Amino acid sequence: MEYQIINQNQKEEWTQYIKKSVAFDLYHTWQYNAFEKVDKPFLFLYQQNEDFIAFPLIKRKIDDSNFYDLTSAYGYVGPISNRQFTHADDAFLENFKTAFLEFLKKEAIICVFSRLHPIISQGAVLNKFGGVYDNGQTVGIDLNTPVEIQISKYRKGHRNAIKYLRQHEYLTKEVSTPEGVKTFVKIYHENMRRIKAASEYFFSEEYFLNLINAKEFDARIMLVYLNDEPIAGGVFTFTDQIIQVHLLGTLTEHLLHSPVKLLIDEVSLLGRECGMRYLHIGGGIGGQNDSLFYWKSGFSDLYFNFQTWRYINNQLIYKELVESRTEEFSFQKTDFFPLYRKSSI
């Protein structure tokens, strides 16, 4: 079965297939994948007559070997199509599988990892391969429900906090100037230092400027002010009916009243005005049912299943790669994939 590889230099081709898909998010767009500076993003495309399956991926060299593996951009990716996978012809899905496996073999690719999109149903195609794992749940708000019902589903503590913030004149405002971006980055980086986040999560001012100036999706930086002082903020993306809470941050001295609760509520109202269907708040760290998930679930009882695809194409080489690291690491039970890339276990 024939397939096509669309690389970073083919922006128009990449974009046209994304826009033809029945559902997609910013994570599938050329612009978002172009933020990757280290490895090589590409769009795997299988087409059969007018129907296609497109899968944004990133190819990585495996150190000290002649092999590669695939991953996907930060966020919820997985394959998309101009057909609903649940209604697609079984032969079409089987032909995609054949083409993809041919590609993996040709390119000496050992395994594939992708975080799947909780709202876009992708299981029908990837279950053909196996390797789909449940990774907890995420939280979303259905913006098609009446706003009164939406608010009634807020946890009492969240409702009271939002009421307090409004009464005490906490205000939200969108910013798009370089100075506004600089202000958000300062808040966000302080937040990341407080939670001891890994270095890759300290995104630069350039990253955020590129994000809000993107043409393939609508990204907005919103700040919360108290007495004209910015104290919290977030990045929200609006793409094909879905708002993503991309990143949030609050200055330490203002954590008590959780001003980002007001931000979430305000963005939900903005989403209604823009005709969006879902405000996707996300899940816990690594999909866990942790304190972060509990905080997010205070906004809604609408949960989506979060899954990852961890497909091993060459079991023998994968096993050898893992075992070759046993001298460097002490292996324990871990959810990390691929295991040979874990820096400390």
Protein backbone atom coordinates (compact mmCIF):
# COMPACT_ATOMS: atom_id res chain seq x y z
CA MET A 1 0.00 0.00 0.00
CA GLU A 2 1.36 3.42 -0.93
CA TYR A 3 1.85 6.19 1.57
CA GLN A 4 3.22 9.71 1.48
CA ILE A 5 5.51 11.57 3.86
CA ILE A 6 4.83 15.31 4.10
CA ASN A 7 7.75 17.11 5.71
CA GLN A 8 8.20 20.52 7.36
CA ASN A 9 8.94 22.19 4.03
CA GLN A 10 5.51 21.26 2.67
CA LYS A 11 3.35 23.60 4.72
CA GLU A 12 0.53 23.93 2.18
CA GLU A 13 0.14 20.19 1.67
CA TRP A 14 0.23 19.52 5.42
CA THR A 15 -2.33 22.24 6.10
CA GLN A 16 -4.79 21.19 3.43
CA TYR A 17 -5.11 17.66 4.81
CA ILE A 18 -5.56 18.90 8.37
CA LYS A 19 -8.32 21.27 7.28
CA LYS A 20 -10.10 18.48 5.38
CA SER A 21 -10.26 16.30 8.50
CA VAL A 22 -13.58 15.87 10.28
CA ALA A 23 -11.93 16.81 13.60
CA PHE A 24 -8.51 18.15 14.52
CA ASP A 25 -6.76 20.29 17.11
CA LEU A 26 -3.80 22.65 17.21
CA TYR A 27 -1.48 19.69 17.93
CA HIS A 28 -2.08 18.39 14.40
CA THR A 29 -1.28 21.63 12.58
CA TRP A 30 1.89 22.36 10.63
CA GLN A 31 2.46 25.52 12.68
CA TYR A 32 2.41 23.76 16.04
CA ASN A 33 4.68 20.94 14.86
CA ALA A 34 7.07 23.49 13.35
CA PHE A 35 7.91 24.58 16.92
CA GLU A 36 9.95 21.37 17.18
CA LYS A 37 13.58 22.43 16.71
CA VAL A 38 15.57 19.32 17.64
CA ASP A 39 14.06 16.40 15.74
CA LYS A 40 12.12 16.08 12.49
CA PRO A 41 8.31 16.41 12.47
CA PHE A 42 6.44 14.99 9.50
CA LEU A 43 2.92 14.06 8.48
CA PHE A 44 2.39 10.41 7.61
CA LEU A 45 -0.37 10.25 5.00
CA TYR A 46 -2.26 7.25 3.72
CA GLN A 47 -4.81 8.00 1.01
CA GLN A 48 -7.30 5.70 -0.70
CA ASN A 49 -9.33 7.45 -3.39
CA GLU A 50 -10.82 10.48 -1.62
CA ASP A 51 -10.34 9.14 1.91
CA PHE A 52 -7.19 9.62 3.95
CA ILE A 53 -5.62 9.16 7.37
CA ALA A 54 -3.04 11.73 8.49
CA PHE A 55 -0.75 11.25 11.48
CA PRO A 56 1.68 13.98 12.68
CA LEU A 57 4.82 12.39 14.13
CA ILE A 58 8.42 13.19 15.05
CA LYS A 59 11.32 10.96 14.01
CA ARG A 60 14.17 10.54 16.51
CA LYS A 61 17.53 8.82 16.18
CA ILE A 62 18.25 6.27 18.92
CA ASP A 63 21.72 6.97 20.29
CA ASP A 64 24.48 4.46 19.61
CA SER A 65 22.38 2.50 17.14
CA ASN A 66 21.21 2.42 13.53
CA PHE A 67 17.57 2.64 14.58
CA TYR A 68 14.91 5.28 15.12
CA ASP A 69 11.70 5.73 17.04
CA LEU A 70 8.67 7.97 16.61
CA THR A 71 6.91 10.26 19.04
CA SER A 72 4.43 13.10 18.71
CA ALA A 73 4.42 16.77 19.67
CA TYR A 74 3.68 17.86 23.25
CA GLY A 75 -0.08 17.58 23.66
CA TYR A 76 -2.87 15.37 22.36
CA VAL A 77 -2.13 14.13 18.85
CA GLY A 78 -2.89 10.74 17.27
CA PRO A 79 -4.23 10.16 13.73
CA ILE A 80 -7.03 12.14 12.07
CA SER A 81 -9.05 11.61 8.92
CA ASN A 82 -11.75 12.98 6.64
CA ARG A 83 -13.82 10.02 7.83
CA GLN A 84 -15.01 9.22 11.34
CA PHE A 85 -12.88 6.24 12.35
CA THR A 86 -15.90 4.60 13.99
CA HIS A 87 -17.70 4.65 10.62
CA ALA A 88 -14.72 3.92 8.38
CA ASP A 89 -14.62 0.82 6.21
CA ASP A 90 -12.64 -1.96 7.88
CA ALA A 91 -10.63 -2.62 4.72
CA PHE A 92 -9.58 1.05 4.66
CA LEU A 93 -8.28 0.81 8.24
CA GLU A 94 -6.48 -2.46 7.48
CA ASN A 95 -4.84 -0.90 4.44
CA PHE A 96 -3.63 2.00 6.58
CA LYS A 97 -2.12 -0.49 9.00
CA THR A 98 -0.32 -2.30 6.19
CA ALA A 99 1.07 0.96 4.80
CA PHE A 100 2.19 2.20 8.21
CA LEU A 101 3.96 -1.07 9.06
CA GLU A 102 5.71 -0.96 5.69
CA PHE A 103 6.93 2.55 6.54
CA LEU A 104 8.20 1.47 9.97
CA LYS A 105 10.14 -1.40 8.45
CA LYS A 106 11.65 0.70 5.67
CA GLU A 107 12.78 3.43 8.07
CA ALA A 108 14.18 1.05 10.76
CA ILE A 109 11.73 2.38 13.33
CA ILE A 110 11.59 0.33 16.52
CA CYS A 111 8.55 1.79 18.28
CA VAL A 112 5.98 4.59 18.27
CA PHE A 113 4.61 6.73 21.09
CA SER A 114 1.73 9.19 20.83
CA ARG A 115 -0.61 10.80 23.33
CA LEU A 116 -4.07 10.35 21.84
CA HIS A 117 -6.72 13.03 21.75
CA PRO A 118 -9.37 12.51 24.45
CA ILE A 119 -12.14 14.14 22.41
CA ILE A 120 -11.33 12.75 18.94
CA SER A 121 -12.14 9.04 18.74
CA GLN A 122 -9.00 7.28 17.43
CA GLY A 123 -9.23 3.81 18.95
CA ALA A 124 -10.84 2.12 15.93
CA VAL A 125 -7.74 2.62 13.81
CA LEU A 126 -4.99 2.11 16.42
CA ASN A 127 -6.58 -0.95 18.00
CA LYS A 128 -5.73 -2.64 14.71
CA PHE A 129 -2.10 -2.53 15.84
CA GLY A 130 -2.51 -3.01 19.59
CA GLY A 131 -0.57 -1.02 22.14
CA VAL A 132 -3.35 1.38 23.14
CA TYR A 133 -3.16 2.04 26.88
CA ASP A 134 -5.58 3.78 29.22
CA ASN A 135 -3.91 6.68 31.02
CA GLY A 136 -6.64 8.06 33.22
CA GLN A 137 -9.16 10.75 32.38
CA THR A 138 -9.33 14.40 31.45
CA VAL A 139 -11.92 17.04 32.28
CA GLY A 140 -13.92 19.16 29.86
CA ILE A 141 -16.84 21.57 29.85
CA ASP A 142 -19.60 21.11 27.25
CA LEU A 143 -20.28 24.65 26.05
CA ASN A 144 -23.50 23.53 24.34
CA THR A 145 -25.18 23.10 27.71
CA PRO A 146 -27.00 26.12 29.20
CA VAL A 147 -24.60 28.30 31.18
CA GLU A 148 -26.70 27.85 34.32
CA ILE A 149 -26.20 24.09 34.14
CA GLN A 150 -22.48 24.58 33.52
CA ILE A 151 -22.14 26.69 36.67
CA SER A 152 -24.29 24.30 38.70
CA LYS A 153 -21.72 21.57 38.00
CA TYR A 154 -18.90 23.62 39.53
CA ARG A 155 -17.78 22.29 42.88
CA LYS A 156 -19.08 24.53 45.68
CA GLY A 157 -15.57 25.70 46.54
CA HIS A 158 -14.96 26.69 42.92
CA ARG A 159 -18.25 28.61 42.70
CA ASN A 160 -17.50 30.45 45.93
CA ALA A 161 -13.96 31.27 44.80
CA ILE A 162 -15.17 32.70 41.48
CA LYS A 163 -17.84 34.73 43.27
CA TYR A 164 -15.21 36.11 45.68
CA LEU A 165 -12.86 37.02 42.83
CA ARG A 166 -15.59 38.91 40.98
CA GLN A 167 -16.72 40.73 44.10
CA HIS A 168 -13.17 41.85 44.89
CA GLU A 169 -12.59 43.23 41.40
CA TYR A 170 -10.17 40.68 40.01
CA LEU A 171 -10.28 41.34 36.27
CA THR A 172 -9.25 39.33 33.21
CA LYS A 173 -7.76 40.75 30.04
CA GLU A 174 -6.26 39.38 26.83
CA VAL A 175 -2.73 40.54 26.01
CA SER A 176 -0.88 40.23 22.71
CA THR A 177 1.94 42.80 22.82
CA PRO A 178 5.57 41.81 23.48
CA GLU A 179 5.28 43.45 26.90
CA GLY A 180 2.14 41.47 27.68
CA VAL A 181 3.85 38.25 26.64
CA LYS A 182 6.88 39.13 28.78
CA THR A 183 4.56 39.64 31.76
CA PHE A 184 2.94 36.24 31.27
CA VAL A 185 6.30 34.49 30.87
CA LYS A 186 7.47 35.98 34.18
CA ILE A 187 4.37 34.61 35.94
CA TYR A 188 4.56 31.26 34.17
CA HIS A 189 8.25 30.73 34.88
CA GLU A 190 7.79 31.52 38.56
CA ASN A 191 5.02 28.94 38.62
CA MET A 192 7.28 26.37 36.95
CA ARG A 193 10.10 27.00 39.41
CA ARG A 194 7.72 26.59 42.33
CA ILE A 195 6.55 23.18 41.17
CA LYS A 196 10.12 22.19 40.16
CA ALA A 197 9.15 21.54 36.54
CA ALA A 198 11.63 20.05 34.08
CA SER A 199 13.62 22.47 31.93
CA GLU A 200 11.70 21.63 28.74
CA TYR A 201 8.57 23.25 30.20
CA PHE A 202 10.23 26.67 30.54
CA PHE A 203 9.03 27.95 27.18
CA SER A 204 10.60 31.15 25.87
CA GLU A 205 9.02 34.50 25.00
CA GLU A 206 9.64 33.65 21.34
CA TYR A 207 7.60 30.46 21.72
CA PHE A 208 4.60 32.37 23.08
CA LEU A 209 4.86 35.14 20.48
CA ASN A 210 4.90 32.52 17.72
CA LEU A 211 1.93 30.80 19.35
CA ILE A 212 -0.31 33.87 19.48
CA ASN A 213 0.70 34.94 15.97
CA ALA A 214 -0.11 31.54 14.44
CA LYS A 215 -2.59 31.51 11.55
CA GLU A 216 -3.75 27.87 11.71
CA PHE A 217 -5.29 28.22 15.18
CA ASP A 218 -6.30 31.02 17.51
CA ALA A 219 -4.06 31.20 20.60
CA ARG A 220 -4.74 33.79 23.30
CA ILE A 221 -2.86 34.84 26.41
CA MET A 222 -5.19 35.94 29.20
CA LEU A 223 -4.06 37.62 32.40
CA VAL A 224 -5.79 38.16 35.73
CA TYR A 225 -5.26 41.56 37.37
CA LEU A 226 -5.77 42.78 40.92
CA ASN A 227 -5.45 46.54 41.44
CA ASP A 228 -3.95 46.79 37.94
CA GLU A 229 -1.23 44.28 38.80
CA PRO A 230 -0.98 41.04 36.77
CA ILE A 231 -1.04 38.09 39.17
CA ALA A 232 -1.97 35.05 37.05
CA GLY A 233 -2.42 34.02 33.46
CA GLY A 234 -3.01 31.32 30.94
CA VAL A 235 -2.65 30.36 27.29
CA PHE A 236 -5.81 29.12 25.60
CA THR A 237 -6.10 27.80 22.06
CA PHE A 238 -9.26 27.85 19.94
CA THR A 239 -9.20 25.23 17.16
CA ASP A 240 -12.06 23.56 15.30
CA GLN A 241 -14.66 23.64 18.12
CA ILE A 242 -12.14 22.87 20.91
CA ILE A 243 -10.59 25.25 23.41
CA GLN A 244 -7.50 23.85 25.09
CA VAL A 245 -6.21 25.14 28.41
CA HIS A 246 -2.64 24.99 27.14
CA LEU A 247 -0.70 26.48 30.08
CA LEU A 248 -1.53 28.23 33.37
CA GLY A 249 0.46 30.12 35.97
CA THR A 250 -0.11 32.05 39.22
CA LEU A 251 2.25 34.15 41.32
CA THR A 252 2.98 32.38 44.60
CA GLU A 253 1.68 35.17 46.82
CA HIS A 254 -1.75 34.95 45.15
CA LEU A 255 -2.29 31.19 45.25
CA LEU A 256 -4.72 31.36 48.17
CA HIS A 257 -7.64 32.70 46.13
CA SER A 258 -6.77 30.70 42.97
CA PRO A 259 -7.39 33.49 40.42
CA VAL A 260 -7.11 31.09 37.48
CA LYS A 261 -10.53 29.74 38.48
CA LEU A 262 -11.94 33.06 37.34
CA LEU A 263 -9.89 32.75 34.16
CA ILE A 264 -11.37 29.34 33.33
CA ASP A 265 -14.88 30.64 33.91
CA GLU A 266 -14.29 33.73 31.75
CA VAL A 267 -12.78 31.71 28.90
CA SER A 268 -15.79 29.38 28.96
CA LEU A 269 -18.03 32.40 28.36
CA LEU A 270 -15.73 33.61 25.59
CA GLY A 271 -15.88 30.16 24.03
CA ARG A 272 -19.66 30.33 23.93
CA GLU A 273 -19.47 33.64 22.11
CA CYS A 274 -17.06 32.09 19.58
CA GLY A 275 -19.30 29.06 18.98
CA MET A 276 -16.87 26.52 20.46
CA ARG A 277 -18.14 23.11 21.60
CA TYR A 278 -15.72 22.10 24.36
CA LEU A 279 -13.40 23.75 26.83
CA HIS A 280 -10.88 21.01 27.51
CA ILE A 281 -9.17 21.58 30.87
CA GLY A 282 -7.02 18.43 30.82
CA GLY A 283 -6.07 15.85 33.42
CA GLY A 284 -3.64 15.10 36.19
CA ILE A 285 0.13 14.79 35.88
CA GLY A 286 0.82 11.84 33.61
CA GLY A 287 -2.89 11.05 33.57
CA GLN A 288 -2.98 10.37 37.31
CA ASN A 289 -6.00 10.89 39.53
CA ASP A 290 -4.04 13.38 41.62
CA SER A 291 -4.56 16.78 43.25
CA LEU A 292 -4.31 18.52 39.85
CA PHE A 293 -7.04 16.30 38.42
CA TYR A 294 -9.16 16.95 41.52
CA TRP A 295 -8.77 20.71 41.02
CA LYS A 296 -9.76 20.47 37.36
CA SER A 297 -12.72 18.19 38.09
CA GLY A 298 -14.14 20.98 40.24
CA PHE A 299 -15.32 22.62 37.01
CA SER A 300 -17.23 19.73 35.45
CA ASP A 301 -18.36 16.14 35.70
CA LEU A 302 -17.67 15.59 31.99
CA TYR A 303 -14.71 13.23 31.75
CA PHE A 304 -12.90 11.95 28.67
CA ASN A 305 -10.73 8.84 28.51
CA PHE A 306 -7.07 9.69 27.97
CA GLN A 307 -5.07 7.03 26.12
CA THR A 308 -1.57 6.65 24.76
CA TRP A 309 -0.35 4.55 21.88
CA ARG A 310 2.83 2.60 22.65
CA TYR A 311 3.48 0.33 19.72
CA ILE A 312 6.62 -1.82 19.55
CA ASN A 313 7.40 -2.70 15.95
CA ASN A 314 10.53 -4.74 16.63
CA GLN A 315 10.29 -6.56 19.94
CA LEU A 316 13.78 -8.09 19.71
CA ILE A 317 15.63 -4.80 19.13
CA TYR A 318 13.47 -3.01 21.70
CA LYS A 319 14.40 -5.63 24.30
CA GLU A 320 18.08 -5.35 23.41
CA LEU A 321 17.98 -1.55 23.71
CA VAL A 322 16.37 -1.77 27.15
CA GLU A 323 18.79 -4.43 28.37
CA SER A 324 21.80 -2.48 27.08
CA ARG A 325 20.92 0.25 29.57
CA THR A 326 20.80 -2.03 32.61
CA GLU A 327 24.40 -1.14 33.36
CA GLU A 328 23.44 2.55 33.50
CA PHE A 329 20.12 2.33 35.30
CA SER A 330 18.46 0.27 37.97
CA PHE A 331 15.19 -0.74 36.33
CA GLN A 332 12.06 -0.68 38.41
CA LYS A 333 8.40 -0.78 37.52
CA THR A 334 7.69 2.32 35.46
CA ASP A 335 5.06 3.62 33.05
CA PHE A 336 7.68 5.34 30.89
CA PHE A 337 7.83 4.54 27.16
CA PRO A 338 10.04 3.82 25.41
CA LEU A 339 11.89 2.53 28.44
CA TYR A 340 15.36 2.85 26.93
CA ARG A 341 14.91 6.65 26.77
CA LYS A 342 14.25 7.12 30.47
CA SER A 343 17.18 9.06 31.90
CA SER A 344 16.85 7.68 35.44
CA ILE A 345 14.73 4.77 36.61
